[in-house]
Amino acid sequence: MSLQFQPNTPYILAAFYRVGLNQDQAYQPDQIYQALDQLTGQAYDRDVANQIYEQCTPNQRGQVQIEEFSQVLISADAMLKKKIKDTEKQIQQSVDESKDCQRIIQEIQYTQQQNQYGIDTDSQLSLIIKSASGITTQDFTQSQVSVSVDNNEQIAQQSSGDKSNPIFNHQLGFQIKSGRENVTLSLLIQDRNQKKSLVGQAKIDLSQLQDQQVHSLSLQLQNDRQQFNTLTILIEVQWIYNKLNYYKEMIQQLESNIQQHYSDIEDYKRDLFVVQQPFLDNNQRQNLQSSLKQQQSSKVQTNSALHYQQQQHQQSISKPTPSQQSQRQNQVDIPQQYQGEASEELSDEIYYGFILYLLMIVLSLFQCFARPAYVDILLGTLYLLIIFRDCFTPEYLKFVGVITVFTIVLDIFWISIYKNWWNGTDKTLPTWGEAGDPIVRITIVFCIFNMIVKIALCYIIFHYYKAAQSNQVLKFKAWELEFQIGILKQNLFTIDKRLLS
């Protein structure tokens, strides 16, 4: 795969056109799959092809528009790239958190103090009272949650919600000394006379919090007869009794997450390669395949593929189980409207460069009356290939720039030969005789103008070269003609050295 490769609809349609599928026409799935086989040079993954087809809207004959099929491909490409970038951000976030944990460990490993129960002297129980539900009593004004740890009691007041389902979102903290403390939660209601009544209670067993992780609990309350009722309290609770072990475990968990994220990225890259493969040139395909083989040599190869499935208001990808890997059913959602196309305009340089090269070709044709200016005509053709064949690569632009400088040197050499003839008295020419005097003079003038044009073109080529290095998507605009270049990075020749058709 290539994160720099930015497919767009015209490019995908042009690729399909080369194998016989025309724009604005609908085709059967088998016709599209055979076209993908031809573009790939081998059998295209049918699972991926079927999944892309399922995202399209077929007509009554089961045919889909090739434009819609291309847009789904582009959306899949954009979504996988986004997942790769998001996962890379998660990796960096986990790395930063791991560094913070290591720093804290260095700070506390020599200052940690524990009591006789093996618990840190500053051990803390943290609770967040989220909400309650199921209150049926009507004659009260507000609710409270009382949390007591042995003789220490704290109150969480209702912040929002209605009487039946109050919301608290209140954080409380308690010091734990032995780990045997009684932790009791009580739901209280208060009437207009400020009188409080107990609705129900629940207890928390600290032994269930030995892993020092955050636990989300839904506690069912008991009434004064020790009978459970429909009342529940939702809380988050965490007991950190050994900070040193806690941060060590966090580092191990973060490292495990980082390894899983790297594995996910490899899966996404393999899936992205499947999507991009028909539209990559031969060199890109070989390089990417070799890089993927190197990645797979260190881990068990997972033959995963994309499984597209639309879901409302969510995007998810399910990792395959060993039995699913053989069926190649990784899932990735594709938003229908997201095209993933980005473009940056360099229209002025492209436009003026196009005009200057046309002018150079015209001047070169007129010079052919008195000098062989065929190199200039060849140079103009090489430039047109930059746009119309999208040979927008740094190597090709270097080649065109060198040819441009070479023709300028030839112009200077040719003018130096005829500079004495211009002011001399002998106007005899081998071909024209004295009658060729005006023709040669016009040719020299055209040669001078052409040399000035080519000097300006060297500046234009330099801008092209910088744009090609930055992998920009450029818009070519000339009169009513407009299309994108600089994204295909298309090689000029195929494997058998024929011009691309």
Protein backbone atom coordinates (compact mmCIF):
# COMPACT_ATOMS: atom_id res chain seq x y z
CA MET A 1 0.00 0.00 0.00
CA SER A 2 1.00 3.63 -0.28
CA LEU A 3 -0.22 6.39 1.99
CA GLN A 4 0.96 8.94 -0.59
CA PHE A 5 -1.06 7.37 -3.38
CA GLN A 6 -4.25 9.42 -3.73
CA PRO A 7 -6.70 7.82 -6.17
CA ASN A 8 -9.50 9.92 -7.61
CA THR A 9 -12.50 9.15 -9.76
CA PRO A 10 -11.03 10.27 -13.14
CA TYR A 11 -7.94 8.14 -12.56
CA ILE A 12 -9.90 5.04 -11.54
CA LEU A 13 -12.22 5.48 -14.52
CA ALA A 14 -9.23 5.92 -16.85
CA ALA A 15 -7.78 2.64 -15.56
CA PHE A 16 -11.06 0.82 -16.16
CA TYR A 17 -11.30 2.39 -19.61
CA ARG A 18 -7.93 0.87 -20.55
CA VAL A 19 -9.39 -2.59 -19.95
CA GLY A 20 -12.65 -1.95 -21.78
CA LEU A 21 -15.07 -0.49 -19.22
CA ASN A 22 -16.49 2.84 -20.35
CA GLN A 23 -17.64 5.74 -18.22
CA ASP A 24 -21.39 6.36 -17.73
CA GLN A 25 -22.15 2.67 -18.24
CA ALA A 26 -23.30 -0.09 -15.90
CA TYR A 27 -21.73 -3.57 -15.82
CA GLN A 28 -22.34 -6.97 -14.33
CA PRO A 29 -20.13 -7.89 -11.34
CA ASP A 30 -18.21 -10.49 -13.33
CA GLN A 31 -17.28 -7.89 -15.94
CA ILE A 32 -15.88 -5.57 -13.26
CA TYR A 33 -14.05 -8.43 -11.54
CA GLN A 34 -12.40 -9.49 -14.81
CA ALA A 35 -11.30 -5.90 -15.36
CA LEU A 36 -9.73 -5.87 -11.89
CA ASP A 37 -7.95 -9.14 -12.76
CA GLN A 38 -6.44 -7.51 -15.86
CA LEU A 39 -5.35 -4.39 -13.94
CA THR A 40 -3.83 -6.47 -11.14
CA GLY A 41 -2.13 -8.97 -13.43
CA GLN A 42 -3.54 -11.83 -11.36
CA ALA A 43 -6.80 -12.96 -9.80
CA TYR A 44 -8.22 -10.10 -7.77
CA ASP A 45 -9.47 -10.90 -4.28
CA ARG A 46 -13.13 -11.85 -4.87
CA ASP A 47 -14.11 -11.24 -1.25
CA VAL A 48 -13.01 -7.61 -1.52
CA ALA A 49 -14.63 -7.24 -4.94
CA ASN A 50 -17.95 -8.67 -3.67
CA GLN A 51 -17.90 -6.45 -0.61
CA ILE A 52 -17.33 -3.35 -2.73
CA TYR A 53 -20.10 -4.40 -5.09
CA GLU A 54 -22.50 -4.82 -2.14
CA GLN A 55 -22.01 -1.15 -1.27
CA CYS A 56 -23.22 -0.09 -4.73
CA THR A 57 -26.82 0.25 -5.87
CA PRO A 58 -27.42 -2.18 -8.75
CA ASN A 59 -30.12 -1.69 -11.34
CA GLN A 60 -32.82 -4.24 -12.13
CA ARG A 61 -30.34 -6.28 -14.17
CA GLY A 62 -27.86 -6.45 -11.31
CA GLN A 63 -25.50 -3.99 -13.00
CA VAL A 64 -23.73 -1.15 -11.23
CA GLN A 65 -22.41 2.12 -12.58
CA ILE A 66 -18.64 2.02 -12.91
CA GLU A 67 -18.47 5.55 -11.41
CA GLU A 68 -20.20 4.38 -8.23
CA PHE A 69 -17.91 1.35 -7.98
CA SER A 70 -14.91 3.67 -8.30
CA GLN A 71 -16.20 5.98 -5.57
CA VAL A 72 -16.56 3.05 -3.16
CA LEU A 73 -12.96 2.08 -3.89
CA ILE A 74 -11.83 5.63 -3.13
CA SER A 75 -13.87 5.70 0.09
CA ALA A 76 -12.30 2.41 1.23
CA ASP A 77 -8.84 3.80 0.50
CA ALA A 78 -9.56 6.96 2.51
CA MET A 79 -11.10 5.08 5.45
CA LEU A 80 -8.16 2.68 5.79
CA LYS A 81 -5.68 5.56 5.65
CA LYS A 82 -7.66 7.31 8.38
CA LYS A 83 -7.60 4.17 10.53
CA ILE A 84 -3.83 3.92 10.07
CA LYS A 85 -3.31 7.55 11.10
CA ASP A 86 -5.68 7.25 14.07
CA THR A 87 -3.94 4.08 15.25
CA GLU A 88 -0.55 5.76 14.93
CA LYS A 89 -1.86 8.57 17.15
CA GLN A 90 -3.05 6.00 19.68
CA ILE A 91 0.42 4.42 19.65
CA GLN A 92 2.04 7.78 20.31
CA GLN A 93 -0.43 8.48 23.11
CA SER A 94 0.32 5.10 24.71
CA VAL A 95 4.06 5.73 24.40
CA ASP A 96 3.68 9.09 26.15
CA GLU A 97 1.60 7.53 28.93
CA SER A 98 4.19 4.80 29.37
CA LYS A 99 6.93 7.42 29.74
CA ASP A 100 4.86 9.22 32.38
CA CYS A 101 4.42 5.95 34.29
CA GLN A 102 8.15 5.27 34.16
CA ARG A 103 8.83 8.76 35.47
CA ILE A 104 6.40 8.26 38.36
CA ILE A 105 7.97 4.89 39.18
CA GLN A 106 11.39 6.52 39.43
CA GLU A 107 9.94 9.11 41.78
CA ILE A 108 8.12 6.75 44.17
CA GLN A 109 10.22 3.58 44.20
CA TYR A 110 12.50 4.96 46.90
CA THR A 111 9.84 6.87 48.82
CA GLN A 112 7.07 4.25 48.96
CA GLN A 113 5.88 3.53 52.51
CA GLN A 114 3.57 0.68 53.49
CA ASN A 115 1.82 -0.22 56.70
CA GLN A 116 1.62 -3.59 58.42
CA TYR A 117 -1.05 -4.78 55.99
CA GLY A 118 1.19 -4.24 52.98
CA ILE A 119 -0.85 -1.22 51.86
CA ASP A 120 0.56 2.17 50.97
CA THR A 121 0.13 4.67 53.76
CA ASP A 122 -1.54 7.03 51.29
CA SER A 123 -3.77 4.34 49.77
CA GLN A 124 -6.92 5.84 48.24
CA LEU A 125 -10.37 4.56 47.29
CA SER A 126 -11.87 6.75 44.57
CA LEU A 127 -15.57 6.65 43.72
CA ILE A 128 -17.61 8.50 41.12
CA ILE A 129 -21.32 8.39 41.86
CA LYS A 130 -22.85 8.48 38.38
CA SER A 131 -26.64 8.10 38.72
CA ALA A 132 -29.51 6.18 40.30
CA SER A 133 -32.66 4.73 38.81
CA GLY A 134 -35.94 3.14 39.83
CA ILE A 135 -37.08 5.56 42.58
CA THR A 136 -40.84 5.25 42.87
CA THR A 137 -41.42 7.54 45.88
CA GLN A 138 -42.95 10.86 44.77
CA ASP A 139 -43.16 12.98 47.91
CA PHE A 140 -39.59 14.32 48.11
CA THR A 141 -37.54 17.22 46.72
CA GLN A 142 -34.11 15.75 45.99
CA SER A 143 -31.88 12.69 46.33
CA GLN A 144 -28.54 12.11 48.01
CA VAL A 145 -26.04 9.27 48.08
CA SER A 146 -24.16 8.76 51.31
CA VAL A 147 -20.90 6.80 51.17
CA SER A 148 -19.34 5.65 54.44
CA VAL A 149 -16.03 3.89 54.99
CA ASP A 150 -16.16 2.76 58.59
CA ASN A 151 -16.68 6.06 60.45
CA ASN A 152 -15.86 8.38 57.53
CA GLU A 153 -18.95 9.57 55.64
CA GLN A 154 -19.29 11.77 52.55
CA ILE A 155 -22.38 12.95 50.66
CA ALA A 156 -22.98 13.17 46.90
CA GLN A 157 -25.74 15.64 45.98
CA GLN A 158 -28.03 15.30 42.98
CA SER A 159 -26.89 17.59 40.14
CA SER A 160 -29.48 16.93 37.44
CA GLY A 161 -32.04 14.41 36.21
CA ASP A 162 -35.56 13.83 37.48
CA LYS A 163 -36.83 12.33 40.70
CA SER A 164 -36.99 8.78 39.42
CA ASN A 165 -33.57 8.87 37.75
CA PRO A 166 -31.31 11.38 39.51
CA ILE A 167 -27.85 12.15 38.14
CA PHE A 168 -24.98 12.93 40.53
CA ASN A 169 -21.59 12.78 38.71
CA HIS A 170 -19.90 13.41 42.05
CA GLN A 171 -16.39 12.19 42.92
CA LEU A 172 -15.47 11.07 46.41
CA GLY A 173 -12.21 9.88 47.95
CA PHE A 174 -11.40 7.83 51.06
CA GLN A 175 -8.21 6.64 52.69
CA ILE A 176 -7.94 2.87 53.09
CA LYS A 177 -5.68 1.48 55.81
CA SER A 178 -6.32 -2.25 56.11
CA GLY A 179 -8.41 -3.27 53.11
CA ARG A 180 -11.02 -4.69 55.50
CA GLU A 181 -13.09 -1.53 55.84
CA ASN A 182 -16.84 -1.62 55.38
CA VAL A 183 -17.87 0.47 52.38
CA THR A 184 -21.58 1.25 52.34
CA LEU A 185 -23.61 3.30 49.87
CA SER A 186 -26.98 4.65 51.00
CA LEU A 187 -29.59 6.33 48.83
CA LEU A 188 -31.47 9.03 50.72
CA ILE A 189 -34.39 11.25 49.79
CA GLN A 190 -35.19 14.59 51.37
CA ASP A 191 -38.66 16.14 51.70
CA ARG A 192 -39.68 19.77 51.95
CA ASN A 193 -39.09 19.78 55.71
CA GLN A 194 -35.44 18.74 55.20
CA LYS A 195 -36.25 15.32 56.63
CA LYS A 196 -34.17 12.53 55.15
CA SER A 197 -35.39 9.00 54.53
CA LEU A 198 -33.36 5.93 53.65
CA VAL A 199 -34.46 4.29 50.41
CA GLY A 200 -31.88 1.53 50.10
CA GLN A 201 -28.29 0.47 50.72
CA ALA A 202 -25.51 -1.48 49.01
CA LYS A 203 -22.06 -2.62 50.04
CA ILE A 204 -18.76 -2.78 48.17
CA ASP A 205 -16.32 -5.62 48.79
CA LEU A 206 -12.78 -4.24 48.59
CA SER A 207 -11.42 -7.68 47.81
CA GLN A 208 -13.06 -7.39 44.36
CA LEU A 209 -10.86 -4.34 43.64
CA GLN A 210 -7.51 -6.05 44.15
CA ASP A 211 -6.53 -5.57 40.48
CA GLN A 212 -6.41 -1.78 41.11
CA GLN A 213 -8.36 -1.13 37.89
CA VAL A 214 -11.38 1.11 37.35
CA HIS A 215 -14.60 -0.87 37.81
CA SER A 216 -18.01 0.26 36.55
CA LEU A 217 -20.60 -1.21 38.89
CA SER A 218 -24.36 -1.22 38.88
CA LEU A 219 -25.34 -1.88 42.52
CA GLN A 220 -28.81 -3.14 43.38
CA LEU A 221 -30.04 -1.64 46.64
CA GLN A 222 -31.58 -3.42 49.61
CA ASN A 223 -34.29 -1.99 51.83
CA ASP A 224 -34.27 -2.03 55.61
CA ARG A 225 -35.57 -5.62 55.52
CA GLN A 226 -32.52 -6.74 53.56
CA GLN A 227 -34.68 -7.30 50.50
CA PHE A 228 -33.53 -6.30 47.05
CA ASN A 229 -35.70 -3.84 45.15
CA THR A 230 -35.65 -2.22 41.71
CA LEU A 231 -33.38 0.62 42.81
CA THR A 232 -29.85 0.65 41.33
CA ILE A 233 -26.88 2.99 41.62
CA LEU A 234 -24.30 3.28 38.86
CA ILE A 235 -20.76 4.04 40.08
CA GLU A 236 -17.13 3.89 39.04
CA VAL A 237 -14.70 2.76 41.70
CA GLN A 238 -10.94 2.18 41.92
CA TRP A 239 -8.71 1.22 44.82
CA ILE A 240 -4.98 1.87 44.41
CA TYR A 241 -3.25 0.27 47.38
CA ASN A 242 0.23 -0.17 45.83
CA LYS A 243 1.19 2.63 43.47
CA LEU A 244 4.47 1.04 42.41
CA ASN A 245 2.79 -2.18 41.25
CA TYR A 246 -0.08 -0.19 39.74
CA TYR A 247 2.18 1.83 37.43
CA LYS A 248 4.23 -1.25 36.54
CA GLU A 249 1.05 -3.04 35.50
CA MET A 250 -0.01 0.03 33.55
CA ILE A 251 3.27 -0.04 31.61
CA GLN A 252 2.75 -3.71 30.76
CA GLN A 253 -0.79 -3.01 29.62
CA LEU A 254 0.32 -0.04 27.52
CA GLU A 255 3.07 -2.10 25.89
CA SER A 256 0.52 -4.79 25.09
CA ASN A 257 -1.76 -2.13 23.58
CA ILE A 258 1.10 -0.75 21.50
CA GLN A 259 1.90 -4.20 20.10
CA GLN A 260 -1.77 -4.74 19.28
CA HIS A 261 -1.93 -1.35 17.55
CA TYR A 262 1.12 -2.24 15.44
CA SER A 263 -0.55 -5.50 14.49
CA ASP A 264 -3.71 -3.60 13.56
CA ILE A 265 -1.71 -1.21 11.38
CA GLU A 266 -0.17 -4.14 9.50
CA ASP A 267 -3.65 -5.53 8.89
CA TYR A 268 -4.88 -2.15 7.66
CA LYS A 269 -1.88 -1.83 5.36
CA ARG A 270 -2.47 -5.25 3.86
CA ASP A 271 -6.12 -4.35 3.29
CA LEU A 272 -5.10 -1.03 1.75
CA PHE A 273 -2.71 -2.82 -0.60
CA VAL A 274 -5.58 -5.02 -1.79
CA VAL A 275 -7.63 -1.91 -2.60
CA GLN A 276 -4.78 -0.03 -4.29
CA GLN A 277 -3.11 -2.93 -6.12
CA PRO A 278 -4.99 -2.67 -9.46
CA PHE A 279 -4.03 0.99 -9.81
CA LEU A 280 -0.35 0.89 -8.83
CA ASP A 281 2.39 0.76 -11.42
CA ASN A 282 4.63 -2.29 -11.60
CA ASN A 283 7.54 -0.80 -9.61
CA GLN A 284 5.27 0.35 -6.78
CA ARG A 285 3.59 -3.04 -6.66
CA GLN A 286 6.86 -4.96 -6.44
CA ASN A 287 8.32 -2.68 -3.77
CA LEU A 288 5.20 -2.84 -1.64
CA GLN A 289 4.90 -6.60 -1.96
CA SER A 290 8.50 -7.06 -0.84
CA SER A 291 7.96 -4.76 2.16
CA LEU A 292 4.84 -6.67 3.15
CA LYS A 293 6.73 -9.98 2.96
CA GLN A 294 9.35 -8.59 5.33
CA GLN A 295 6.64 -7.62 7.80
CA GLN A 296 5.00 -11.03 7.53
CA SER A 297 8.25 -12.91 8.18
CA SER A 298 8.23 -11.79 11.83
CA LYS A 299 4.58 -12.63 12.47
CA VAL A 300 2.05 -15.22 11.39
CA GLN A 301 0.52 -14.09 8.14
CA THR A 302 -3.16 -13.29 8.48
CA ASN A 303 -5.07 -13.53 5.22
CA SER A 304 -7.51 -10.80 6.08
CA ALA A 305 -9.65 -8.86 3.66
CA LEU A 306 -12.14 -6.08 3.80
CA HIS A 307 -15.71 -6.70 4.72
CA TYR A 308 -17.74 -3.58 4.12
CA GLN A 309 -20.87 -3.15 6.19
CA GLN A 310 -22.82 0.08 6.58
CA GLN A 311 -23.93 0.98 10.08
CA GLN A 312 -25.73 4.13 11.12
CA HIS A 313 -23.73 6.68 13.13
CA GLN A 314 -20.76 4.39 13.80
CA GLN A 315 -17.62 3.11 12.11
CA SER A 316 -16.02 -0.08 13.34
CA ILE A 317 -13.67 -2.81 12.18
CA SER A 318 -13.77 -6.31 13.68
CA LYS A 319 -10.54 -8.25 14.01
CA PRO A 320 -10.76 -11.81 12.61
CA THR A 321 -10.64 -14.90 14.72
CA PRO A 322 -8.49 -17.79 13.45
CA SER A 323 -11.56 -19.36 11.84
CA GLN A 324 -12.52 -16.08 10.21
CA GLN A 325 -9.05 -15.43 8.84
CA SER A 326 -9.50 -18.17 6.29
CA GLN A 327 -12.68 -16.44 5.12
CA ARG A 328 -10.98 -13.01 4.89
CA GLN A 329 -13.72 -11.08 6.67
CA ASN A 330 -12.26 -7.99 8.32
CA GLN A 331 -14.97 -5.36 8.50
CA VAL A 332 -14.57 -1.70 7.65
CA ASP A 333 -17.33 0.85 7.31
CA ILE A 334 -17.32 3.20 4.34
CA PRO A 335 -19.10 6.54 4.60
CA GLN A 336 -20.89 7.12 1.31
CA GLN A 337 -20.12 10.82 1.02
CA TYR A 338 -16.43 10.73 1.93
CA GLN A 339 -14.36 10.74 -1.24
CA GLY A 340 -10.88 11.15 0.25
CA GLU A 341 -9.70 13.46 -2.55
CA ALA A 342 -7.29 16.26 -1.72
CA SER A 343 -5.87 18.73 -4.18
CA GLU A 344 -3.53 21.68 -4.16
CA GLU A 345 -3.47 24.09 -7.02
CA LEU A 346 -0.33 24.98 -8.92
CA SER A 347 -2.43 26.23 -11.81
CA ASP A 348 -0.38 29.35 -12.64
CA GLU A 349 2.90 27.50 -13.20
CA ILE A 350 1.12 24.69 -15.05
CA TYR A 351 -0.84 27.09 -17.25
CA TYR A 352 2.02 29.43 -18.16
CA GLY A 353 4.38 26.52 -18.64
CA PHE A 354 1.92 24.99 -21.09
CA ILE A 355 1.66 28.30 -23.03
CA LEU A 356 5.44 28.80 -23.11
CA TYR A 357 6.05 25.30 -24.44
CA LEU A 358 3.48 25.78 -27.18
CA LEU A 359 5.20 29.06 -28.08
CA MET A 360 8.58 27.31 -28.09
CA ILE A 361 7.28 24.64 -30.49
CA VAL A 362 5.91 27.30 -32.87
CA LEU A 363 9.19 29.25 -32.83
CA SER A 364 11.11 26.01 -33.38
CA LEU A 365 8.99 25.13 -36.41
CA PHE A 366 9.75 28.50 -38.02
CA GLN A 367 13.47 28.05 -37.30
CA CYS A 368 13.46 24.84 -39.31
CA PHE A 369 13.65 26.98 -42.49
CA ALA A 370 17.32 27.70 -41.76
CA ARG A 371 18.45 25.43 -38.90
CA PRO A 372 17.57 21.92 -37.62
CA ALA A 373 15.60 22.77 -34.47
CA TYR A 374 14.34 19.22 -33.98
CA VAL A 375 15.69 19.01 -30.43
CA ASP A 376 13.40 21.91 -29.44
CA ILE A 377 10.41 20.13 -30.95
CA LEU A 378 11.35 16.96 -29.06
CA LEU A 379 11.61 19.02 -25.86
CA GLY A 380 8.10 20.36 -26.37
CA THR A 381 6.82 16.81 -26.81
CA LEU A 382 8.54 15.72 -23.59
CA TYR A 383 6.78 18.51 -21.73
CA LEU A 384 3.38 17.55 -23.08
CA LEU A 385 3.99 14.05 -21.74
CA ILE A 386 4.32 15.56 -18.24
CA ILE A 387 0.69 16.61 -18.37
CA PHE A 388 -1.10 14.32 -20.78
CA ARG A 389 0.73 11.13 -19.68
CA ASP A 390 1.16 12.34 -16.08
CA CYS A 391 4.90 11.70 -16.05
CA PHE A 392 5.06 13.97 -13.01
CA THR A 393 8.02 12.40 -11.20
CA PRO A 394 11.23 14.06 -9.96
CA GLU A 395 13.39 11.79 -12.16
CA TYR A 396 11.49 12.62 -15.33
CA LEU A 397 11.47 16.35 -14.54
CA LYS A 398 15.24 16.25 -14.01
CA PHE A 399 15.59 14.70 -17.46
CA VAL A 400 13.41 17.38 -19.08
CA GLY A 401 15.35 20.12 -17.26
CA VAL A 402 18.69 18.77 -18.49
CA ILE A 403 17.39 18.65 -22.09
CA THR A 404 16.17 22.25 -21.75
CA VAL A 405 19.59 23.47 -20.58
CA PHE A 406 21.24 21.48 -23.38
CA THR A 407 19.09 23.18 -26.04
CA ILE A 408 19.95 26.59 -24.58
CA VAL A 409 23.65 25.75 -25.02
CA LEU A 410 22.96 24.71 -28.63
CA ASP A 411 21.17 28.00 -29.26
CA ILE A 412 24.11 30.01 -27.90
CA PHE A 413 26.52 27.98 -30.03
CA TRP A 414 24.43 28.45 -33.20
CA ILE A 415 24.03 32.20 -32.64
CA SER A 416 27.78 32.56 -32.10
CA ILE A 417 28.40 31.01 -35.53
CA TYR A 418 26.17 33.52 -37.31
CA LYS A 419 26.99 36.65 -35.27
CA ASN A 420 29.75 37.70 -37.74
CA TRP A 421 27.50 36.93 -40.70
CA TRP A 422 24.84 39.35 -39.37
CA ASN A 423 27.12 42.42 -39.70
CA GLY A 424 29.35 41.04 -42.47
CA THR A 425 29.29 41.73 -46.19
CA ASP A 426 29.33 38.16 -47.44
CA LYS A 427 25.69 37.04 -47.45
CA THR A 428 26.25 33.93 -49.53
CA LEU A 429 24.69 30.82 -47.97
CA PRO A 430 25.28 27.24 -49.13
CA THR A 431 21.57 26.56 -49.63
CA TRP A 432 19.89 29.89 -50.23
CA GLY A 433 22.65 32.10 -51.59
CA GLU A 434 22.14 35.81 -51.04
CA ALA A 435 18.34 35.32 -51.25
CA GLY A 436 18.45 33.57 -47.87
CA ASP A 437 19.52 36.71 -46.01
CA PRO A 438 16.02 37.65 -44.63
CA ILE A 439 15.25 34.03 -43.79
CA VAL A 440 18.41 33.64 -41.72
CA ARG A 441 17.85 36.97 -39.99
CA ILE A 442 14.32 35.95 -38.99
CA THR A 443 15.62 32.57 -37.83
CA ILE A 444 18.24 34.21 -35.61
CA VAL A 445 15.58 36.46 -34.09
CA PHE A 446 13.34 33.46 -33.46
CA CYS A 447 16.27 31.60 -31.93
CA ILE A 448 16.93 34.46 -29.49
CA PHE A 449 13.27 34.63 -28.46
CA ASN A 450 13.18 30.85 -28.12
CA MET A 451 16.23 30.90 -25.87
CA ILE A 452 14.56 33.48 -23.61
CA VAL A 453 11.45 31.30 -23.45
CA LYS A 454 13.49 28.23 -22.48
CA ILE A 455 15.26 30.16 -19.71
CA ALA A 456 11.81 30.97 -18.29
CA LEU A 457 10.87 27.30 -18.69
CA CYS A 458 13.83 26.26 -16.55
CA TYR A 459 12.21 28.24 -13.72
CA ILE A 460 8.88 26.53 -14.41
CA ILE A 461 10.50 23.06 -14.41
CA PHE A 462 12.12 23.86 -11.07
CA HIS A 463 8.66 24.54 -9.56
CA TYR A 464 7.35 21.31 -11.09
CA TYR A 465 10.26 19.42 -9.52
CA LYS A 466 9.52 20.77 -6.01
CA ALA A 467 5.83 19.99 -6.40
CA ALA A 468 6.61 16.41 -7.51
CA GLN A 469 8.79 15.86 -4.44
CA SER A 470 5.97 16.91 -2.10
CA ASN A 471 3.43 14.49 -3.64
CA GLN A 472 0.92 17.24 -4.36
CA VAL A 473 -2.30 16.80 -6.26
CA LEU A 474 -2.20 19.50 -8.93
CA LYS A 475 -4.91 20.96 -11.12
CA PHE A 476 -4.07 21.69 -14.73
CA LYS A 477 -6.17 24.51 -16.19
CA ALA A 478 -5.87 25.77 -19.75
CA TRP A 479 -8.84 27.57 -21.27
CA GLU A 480 -11.82 25.20 -20.81
CA LEU A 481 -9.55 22.21 -20.16
CA GLU A 482 -9.12 21.12 -16.52
CA PHE A 483 -7.92 17.89 -14.94
CA GLN A 484 -5.66 16.69 -12.13
CA ILE A 485 -2.05 15.59 -12.45
CA GLY A 486 0.73 14.76 -10.04
CA ILE A 487 -1.12 11.96 -8.23
CA LEU A 488 -0.68 9.02 -10.58
CA LYS A 489 3.13 8.90 -10.65
CA GLN A 490 2.61 6.82 -13.78
CA ASN A 491 5.65 5.23 -15.44
CA LEU A 492 6.09 6.17 -19.09
CA PHE A 493 6.54 2.55 -20.21
CA THR A 494 4.98 -0.73 -19.26
CA ILE A 495 6.97 -3.89 -18.53
CA ASP A 496 7.51 -4.61 -22.22
CA LYS A 497 8.66 -0.99 -22.86
CA ARG A 498 5.64 0.02 -24.88
CA LEU A 499 3.96 3.36 -24.41
CA LEU A 500 0.94 3.11 -22.18
CA SER A 501 -2.33 2.96 -24.07
